[in-house]
C-alpha atoms as a PDB file:
ATOM      1  CA  UNK A   1      74.796 117.830 129.819  1.00  0.00           C
ATOM      2  CA  UNK A   2      73.418 114.877 127.823  1.00  0.00           C
ATOM      3  CA  UNK A   3      71.353 117.262 125.692  1.00  0.00           C
ATOM      4  CA  UNK A   4      74.475 119.315 124.955  1.00  0.00           C
ATOM      5  CA  UNK A   5      76.364 116.163 123.969  1.00  0.00           C
ATOM      6  CA  UNK A   6      73.528 115.172 121.613  1.00  0.00           C
ATOM      7  CA  UNK A   7      73.507 118.640 120.060  1.00  0.00           C
ATOM      8  CA  UNK A   8      77.286 118.536 119.620  1.00  0.00           C
ATOM      9  CA  UNK A   9      77.062 115.099 118.016  1.00  0.00           C
ATOM     10  CA  UNK A  10      74.333 116.297 115.627  1.00  0.00           C
ATOM     11  CA  UNK A  11      76.432 119.331 114.689  1.00  0.00           C
ATOM     12  CA  UNK A  12      79.421 117.087 113.946  1.00  0.00           C
ATOM     13  CA  UNK A  13      77.228 114.690 111.936  1.00  0.00           C
ATOM     14  CA  UNK A  14      75.843 117.583 109.877  1.00  0.00           C
ATOM     15  CA  UNK A  15      79.385 118.801 109.188  1.00  0.00           C
ATOM     16  CA  UNK A  16      80.659 115.317 108.235  1.00  0.00           C
ATOM     17  CA  UNK A  17      77.685 114.110 106.160  1.00  0.00           C
ATOM     18  CA  UNK A  18      78.657 115.963 102.956  1.00  0.00           C
ATOM     19  CA  UNK A  19      82.154 114.413 103.173  1.00  0.00           C
ATOM     20  CA  UNK A  20      80.965 110.785 103.437  1.00  0.00           C
ATOM     21  CA  UNK A  21      81.228 109.002 100.071  1.00  0.00           C
ATOM     22  CA  UNK A  22      78.299 106.966  98.760  1.00  0.00           C
ATOM     23  CA  UNK A  23      78.084 103.969  96.459  1.00  0.00           C
ATOM     24  CA  UNK A  24      75.003 103.003  94.448  1.00  0.00           C
ATOM     25  CA  UNK A  25      74.766  99.483  93.013  1.00  0.00           C
ATOM     26  CA  UNK A  26      72.390  98.911  90.104  1.00  0.00           C
ATOM     27  CA  UNK A  27      71.506  95.721  88.236  1.00  0.00           C
ATOM     28  CA  UNK A  28      70.822  95.643  84.506  1.00  0.00           C
ATOM     29  CA  UNK A  29      69.209  92.750  82.649  1.00  0.00           C
ATOM     30  CA  UNK A  30      67.852  90.828  85.660  1.00  0.00           C
ATOM     31  CA  UNK A  31      65.522  91.509  88.570  1.00  0.00           C
ATOM     32  CA  UNK A  32      67.383  93.099  91.486  1.00  0.00           C
ATOM     33  CA  UNK A  33      66.248  90.294  93.788  1.00  0.00           C
ATOM     34  CA  UNK A  34      67.833  87.511  91.692  1.00  0.00           C
ATOM     35  CA  UNK A  35      71.625  87.976  91.927  1.00  0.00           C
ATOM     36  CA  UNK A  36      73.728  87.647  95.062  1.00  0.00           C
ATOM     37  CA  UNK A  37      75.629  90.935  95.475  1.00  0.00           C
ATOM     38  CA  UNK A  38      78.603  91.694  97.712  1.00  0.00           C
ATOM     39  CA  UNK A  39      80.464  94.939  98.322  1.00  0.00           C
ATOM     40  CA  UNK A  40      83.988  94.336  99.630  1.00  0.00           C
ATOM     41  CA  UNK A  41      82.960  90.779 100.552  1.00  0.00           C
ATOM     42  CA  UNK A  42      79.893  91.858 102.562  1.00  0.00           C
ATOM     43  CA  UNK A  43      76.446  90.776 101.309  1.00  0.00           C
ATOM     44  CA  UNK A  44      74.234  93.553  99.981  1.00  0.00           C
ATOM     45  CA  UNK A  45      70.496  93.112 100.475  1.00  0.00           C
ATOM     46  CA  UNK A  46      68.395  93.303  97.302  1.00  0.00           C
ATOM     47  CA  UNK A  47      66.370  96.028  99.071  1.00  0.00           C
ATOM     48  CA  UNK A  48      69.464  98.263  98.880  1.00  0.00           C
ATOM     49  CA  UNK A  49      69.938  97.887  95.109  1.00  0.00           C
ATOM     50  CA  UNK A  50      69.661 101.357  93.589  1.00  0.00           C
ATOM     51  CA  UNK A  51      69.983 103.044  96.994  1.00  0.00           C
ATOM     52  CA  UNK A  52      72.850 105.205  98.232  1.00  0.00           C
ATOM     53  CA  UNK A  53      75.119 103.301 100.587  1.00  0.00           C
ATOM     54  CA  UNK A  54      77.740 105.156 102.659  1.00  0.00           C
ATOM     55  CA  UNK A  55      81.256 103.749 102.249  1.00  0.00           C
ATOM     56  CA  UNK A  56      84.775 104.673 103.299  1.00  0.00           C
ATOM     57  CA  UNK A  57      86.853 106.645 100.805  1.00  0.00           C
ATOM     58  CA  UNK A  58      89.026 104.401  98.664  1.00  0.00           C
ATOM     59  CA  UNK A  59      88.780 101.373  96.386  1.00  0.00           C
ATOM     60  CA  UNK A  60      85.772  99.034  96.591  1.00  0.00           C
ATOM     61  CA  UNK A  61      84.947  95.749  94.859  1.00  0.00           C
ATOM     62  CA  UNK A  62      81.373  94.954  93.856  1.00  0.00           C
ATOM     63  CA  UNK A  63      80.590  91.352  92.869  1.00  0.00           C
ATOM     64  CA  UNK A  64      77.362  90.013  91.405  1.00  0.00           C
ATOM     65  CA  UNK A  65      76.626  86.298  90.937  1.00  0.00           C
ATOM     66  CA  UNK A  66      73.595  84.926  89.104  1.00  0.00           C
ATOM     67  CA  UNK A  67      73.593  81.290  88.069  1.00  0.00           C
ATOM     68  CA  UNK A  68      76.893  80.726  86.265  1.00  0.00           C
ATOM     69  CA  UNK A  69      77.397  84.455  85.668  1.00  0.00           C
ATOM     70  CA  UNK A  70      79.894  86.367  87.733  1.00  0.00           C
ATOM     71  CA  UNK A  71      80.361  90.107  87.230  1.00  0.00           C
ATOM     72  CA  UNK A  72      82.961  92.063  89.188  1.00  0.00           C
ATOM     73  CA  UNK A  73      83.565  95.808  89.214  1.00  0.00           C
ATOM     74  CA  UNK A  74      86.193  97.833  91.055  1.00  0.00           C
ATOM     75  CA  UNK A  75      85.460 101.476  91.817  1.00  0.00           C
ATOM     76  CA  UNK A  76      87.439 104.252  93.504  1.00  0.00           C
ATOM     77  CA  UNK A  77      85.347 106.648  95.615  1.00  0.00           C
ATOM     78  CA  UNK A  78      86.796 109.880  96.972  1.00  0.00           C
ATOM     79  CA  UNK A  79      85.700 111.942  99.933  1.00  0.00           C
ATOM     80  CA  UNK A  80      82.246 113.450  99.328  1.00  0.00           C
ATOM     81  CA  UNK A  81      81.755 111.588  96.015  1.00  0.00           C
ATOM     82  CA  UNK A  82      78.888 109.386  94.929  1.00  0.00           C
ATOM     83  CA  UNK A  83      79.645 106.646  92.415  1.00  0.00           C
ATOM     84  CA  UNK A  84      77.250 104.267  90.680  1.00  0.00           C
ATOM     85  CA  UNK A  85      78.232 100.725  89.702  1.00  0.00           C
ATOM     86  CA  UNK A  86      76.069  98.984  87.111  1.00  0.00           C
ATOM     87  CA  UNK A  87      76.318  95.197  86.997  1.00  0.00           C
ATOM     88  CA  UNK A  88      75.055  93.734  83.712  1.00  0.00           C
ATOM     89  CA  UNK A  89      73.582  90.287  84.257  1.00  0.00           C
ATOM     90  CA  UNK A  90      71.199  88.240  82.148  1.00  0.00           C
ATOM     91  CA  UNK A  91      68.083  86.739  83.664  1.00  0.00           C
ATOM     92  CA  UNK A  92      68.355  82.963  83.952  1.00  0.00           C
ATOM     93  CA  UNK A  93      65.421  81.330  82.162  1.00  0.00           C
ATOM     94  CA  UNK A  94      63.382  78.959  84.282  1.00  0.00           C
ATOM     95  CA  UNK A  95      65.267  79.809  87.455  1.00  0.00           C
ATOM     96  CA  UNK A  96      63.808  81.250  90.605  1.00  0.00           C
ATOM     97  CA  UNK A  97      65.414  83.830  92.846  1.00  0.00           C
ATOM     98  CA  UNK A  98      69.060  83.629  93.805  1.00  0.00           C
ATOM     99  CA  UNK A  99      68.295  81.647  96.942  1.00  0.00           C
ATOM    100  CA  UNK A 100      66.998  78.806  94.758  1.00  0.00           C
ATOM    101  CA  UNK A 101      69.683  78.814  92.079  1.00  0.00           C
ATOM    102  CA  UNK A 102      72.948  80.039  93.569  1.00  0.00           C
ATOM    103  CA  UNK A 103      75.222  77.436  95.029  1.00  0.00           C
ATOM    104  CA  UNK A 104      73.561  74.547  93.127  1.00  0.00           C
ATOM    105  CA  UNK A 105      75.536  73.900  89.959  1.00  0.00           C
ATOM    106  CA  UNK A 106      73.766  72.055  87.176  1.00  0.00           C
ATOM    107  CA  UNK A 107      75.277  69.000  85.566  1.00  0.00           C
ATOM    108  CA  UNK A 108      78.475  69.824  83.718  1.00  0.00           C
ATOM    109  CA  UNK A 109      78.765  73.358  85.110  1.00  0.00           C
ATOM    110  CA  UNK A 110      80.436  74.834  88.109  1.00  0.00           C
ATOM    111  CA  UNK A 111      78.330  77.792  89.126  1.00  0.00           C
ATOM    112  CA  UNK A 112      79.831  80.170  91.637  1.00  0.00           C
ATOM    113  CA  UNK A 113      77.429  80.594  94.497  1.00  0.00           C
ATOM    114  CA  UNK A 114      77.009  81.715  98.041  1.00  0.00           C
ATOM    115  CA  UNK A 115      79.736  79.307  99.180  1.00  0.00           C
ATOM    116  CA  UNK A 116      82.162  81.044  96.813  1.00  0.00           C
ATOM    117  CA  UNK A 117      80.999  84.477  98.006  1.00  0.00           C
ATOM    118  CA  UNK A 118      81.444  83.327 101.605  1.00  0.00           C
ATOM    119  CA  UNK A 119      84.933  82.007 100.802  1.00  0.00           C
ATOM    120  CA  UNK A 120      85.877  85.329  99.187  1.00  0.00           C
ATOM    121  CA  UNK A 121      84.477  87.212 102.173  1.00  0.00           C
ATOM    122  CA  UNK A 122      86.479  84.950 104.520  1.00  0.00           C
ATOM    123  CA  UNK A 123      89.667  85.553 102.471  1.00  0.00           C
ATOM    124  CA  UNK A 124      89.182  89.311 102.682  1.00  0.00           C
ATOM    125  CA  UNK A 125      88.431  89.044 106.383  1.00  0.00           C
ATOM    126  CA  UNK A 126      91.621  86.980 106.866  1.00  0.00           C
ATOM    127  CA  UNK A 127      93.680  89.606 105.028  1.00  0.00           C
ATOM    128  CA  UNK A 128      92.095  92.333 107.136  1.00  0.00           C
ATOM    129  CA  UNK A 129      92.827  90.393 110.352  1.00  0.00           C
ATOM    130  CA  UNK A 130      96.414  89.742 109.262  1.00  0.00           C
ATOM    131  CA  UNK A 131      96.782  93.448 108.512  1.00  0.00           C
ATOM    132  CA  UNK A 132      95.554  94.419 111.974  1.00  0.00           C
ATOM    133  CA  UNK A 133      97.885  91.857 113.568  1.00  0.00           C
ATOM    134  CA  UNK A 134     100.775  93.289 111.557  1.00  0.00           C
ATOM    135  CA  UNK A 135      99.904  96.833 112.613  1.00  0.00           C
ATOM    136  CA  UNK A 136      99.609  95.718 116.246  1.00  0.00           C
ATOM    137  CA  UNK A 137     102.933  93.884 116.132  1.00  0.00           C
ATOM    138  CA  UNK A 138     104.582  96.878 114.478  1.00  0.00           C
ATOM    139  CA  UNK A 139     103.195  99.247 117.116  1.00  0.00           C
ATOM    140  CA  UNK A 140     104.375  96.919 119.887  1.00  0.00           C
ATOM    141  CA  UNK A 141     107.826  96.740 118.277  1.00  0.00           C
ATOM    142  CA  UNK A 142     108.051 100.527 118.087  1.00  0.00           C
ATOM    143  CA  UNK A 143     106.937 100.823 121.722  1.00  0.00           C
ATOM    144  CA  UNK A 144     109.505  98.254 122.897  1.00  0.00           C
ATOM    145  CA  UNK A 145     112.199  99.906 120.767  1.00  0.00           C
ATOM    146  CA  UNK A 146     111.369 103.358 122.130  1.00  0.00           C
ATOM    147  CA  UNK A 147     111.330 102.271 125.781  1.00  0.00           C
ATOM    148  CA  UNK A 148     114.564 100.279 125.413  1.00  0.00           C
ATOM    149  CA  UNK A 149     116.125 103.217 123.548  1.00  0.00           C
ATOM    150  CA  UNK A 150     115.256 105.644 126.353  1.00  0.00           C
ATOM    151  CA  UNK A 151     116.651 103.232 128.957  1.00  0.00           C
ATOM    152  CA  UNK A 152     119.798 102.747 126.854  1.00  0.00           C
ATOM    153  CA  UNK A 153     120.288 106.531 126.682  1.00  0.00           C
ATOM    154  CA  UNK A 154     119.995 106.619 130.493  1.00  0.00           C
ATOM    155  CA  UNK A 155     122.659 103.899 130.797  1.00  0.00           C
ATOM    156  CA  UNK A 156     124.894 105.762 128.315  1.00  0.00           C
ATOM    157  CA  UNK A 157     124.546 108.879 130.436  1.00  0.00           C
ATOM    158  CA  UNK A 158     125.544 106.862 133.516  1.00  0.00           C
ATOM    159  CA  UNK A 159     128.603 105.535 131.646  1.00  0.00           C
ATOM    160  CA  UNK A 160     129.601 109.046 130.509  1.00  0.00           C
ATOM    161  CA  UNK A 161     129.383 110.348 134.095  1.00  0.00           C
ATOM    162  CA  UNK A 162     131.211 107.353 135.579  1.00  0.00           C
ATOM    163  CA  UNK A 163     134.832 108.230 136.515  1.00  0.00           C
ATOM    164  CA  UNK A 164     135.827 104.605 135.732  1.00  0.00           C
ATOM    165  CA  UNK A 165     134.882 105.100 132.072  1.00  0.00           C
ATOM    166  CA  UNK A 166     136.923 107.386 129.828  1.00  0.00           C
ATOM    167  CA  UNK A 167     136.759 107.778 126.012  1.00  0.00           C
ATOM    168  CA  UNK A 168     134.258 104.894 125.633  1.00  0.00           C
ATOM    169  CA  UNK A 169     136.562 102.566 127.613  1.00  0.00           C
ATOM    170  CA  UNK A 170     135.505 101.268 131.040  1.00  0.00           C
ATOM    171  CA  UNK A 171     137.368  99.410 133.735  1.00  0.00           C
ATOM    172  CA  UNK A 172     136.447  95.727 134.257  1.00  0.00           C
ATOM    173  CA  UNK A 173     134.591  96.717 137.438  1.00  0.00           C
ATOM    174  CA  UNK A 174     131.957  98.483 135.248  1.00  0.00           C
ATOM    175  CA  UNK A 175     131.301  95.427 133.092  1.00  0.00           C
ATOM    176  CA  UNK A 176     127.677  94.994 134.299  1.00  0.00           C
ATOM    177  CA  UNK A 177     126.854  98.613 133.409  1.00  0.00           C
ATOM    178  CA  UNK A 178     128.328  98.260 129.919  1.00  0.00           C
ATOM    179  CA  UNK A 179     126.604  94.919 129.281  1.00  0.00           C
ATOM    180  CA  UNK A 180     123.286  96.364 130.419  1.00  0.00           C
ATOM    181  CA  UNK A 181     123.736  99.299 128.017  1.00  0.00           C
ATOM    182  CA  UNK A 182     124.617  96.963 125.118  1.00  0.00           C
ATOM    183  CA  UNK A 183     121.609  94.721 125.869  1.00  0.00           C
ATOM    184  CA  UNK A 184     119.216  97.691 125.844  1.00  0.00           C
ATOM    185  CA  UNK A 185     120.703  98.956 122.547  1.00  0.00           C
ATOM    186  CA  UNK A 186     120.154  95.538 120.970  1.00  0.00           C
ATOM    187  CA  UNK A 187     116.562  95.301 122.244  1.00  0.00           C
ATOM    188  CA  UNK A 188     115.847  98.815 120.963  1.00  0.00           C
ATOM    189  CA  UNK A 189     117.222  97.988 117.517  1.00  0.00           C
ATOM    190  CA  UNK A 190     115.253  94.726 117.311  1.00  0.00           C
ATOM    191  CA  UNK A 191     112.065  96.503 118.426  1.00  0.00           C
ATOM    192  CA  UNK A 192     112.378  99.176 115.752  1.00  0.00           C
ATOM    193  CA  UNK A 193     113.271  96.657 113.022  1.00  0.00           C
ATOM    194  CA  UNK A 194     110.303  94.440 113.976  1.00  0.00           C
END
């Protein structure tokens, strides 16, 4: 059974592989190990420069920082496509690799560095988290609205069948039933609006 599951998974992977988009990041004008590179706020190892990197379909932001240089490129990658982004940076004379120069501004300059990349990554992560919270709250609102709506329809059916209620008018003795129906309608509406 496990062998069959592995074979099924491999078959699915083989079918999906051609549809997975890839992104290749290349550096021009500086050694690949010097700049700090991020793709959508996530650090990209210098060992992966020039290599295909699977990504989700859609828009991606590639950022390269070297000394005081900051190069940003946005690219749209469709299903099954491979796109190459070339970041043009100039080697910094007398500077070592990025780990020695990034994040340490020289006198009179304000060089973007790893702290700035981390801050940008944190901002994107915050937006992503807020998006998931919004989706979760929306789904919860729809669920509450749907459940309350179904219960309200049940109450409406009870009112329609009640001999003490005629033409949307009920006797005072049915006040609790009517109030319960109105409460459920309100909750349903609020849930769907939320």
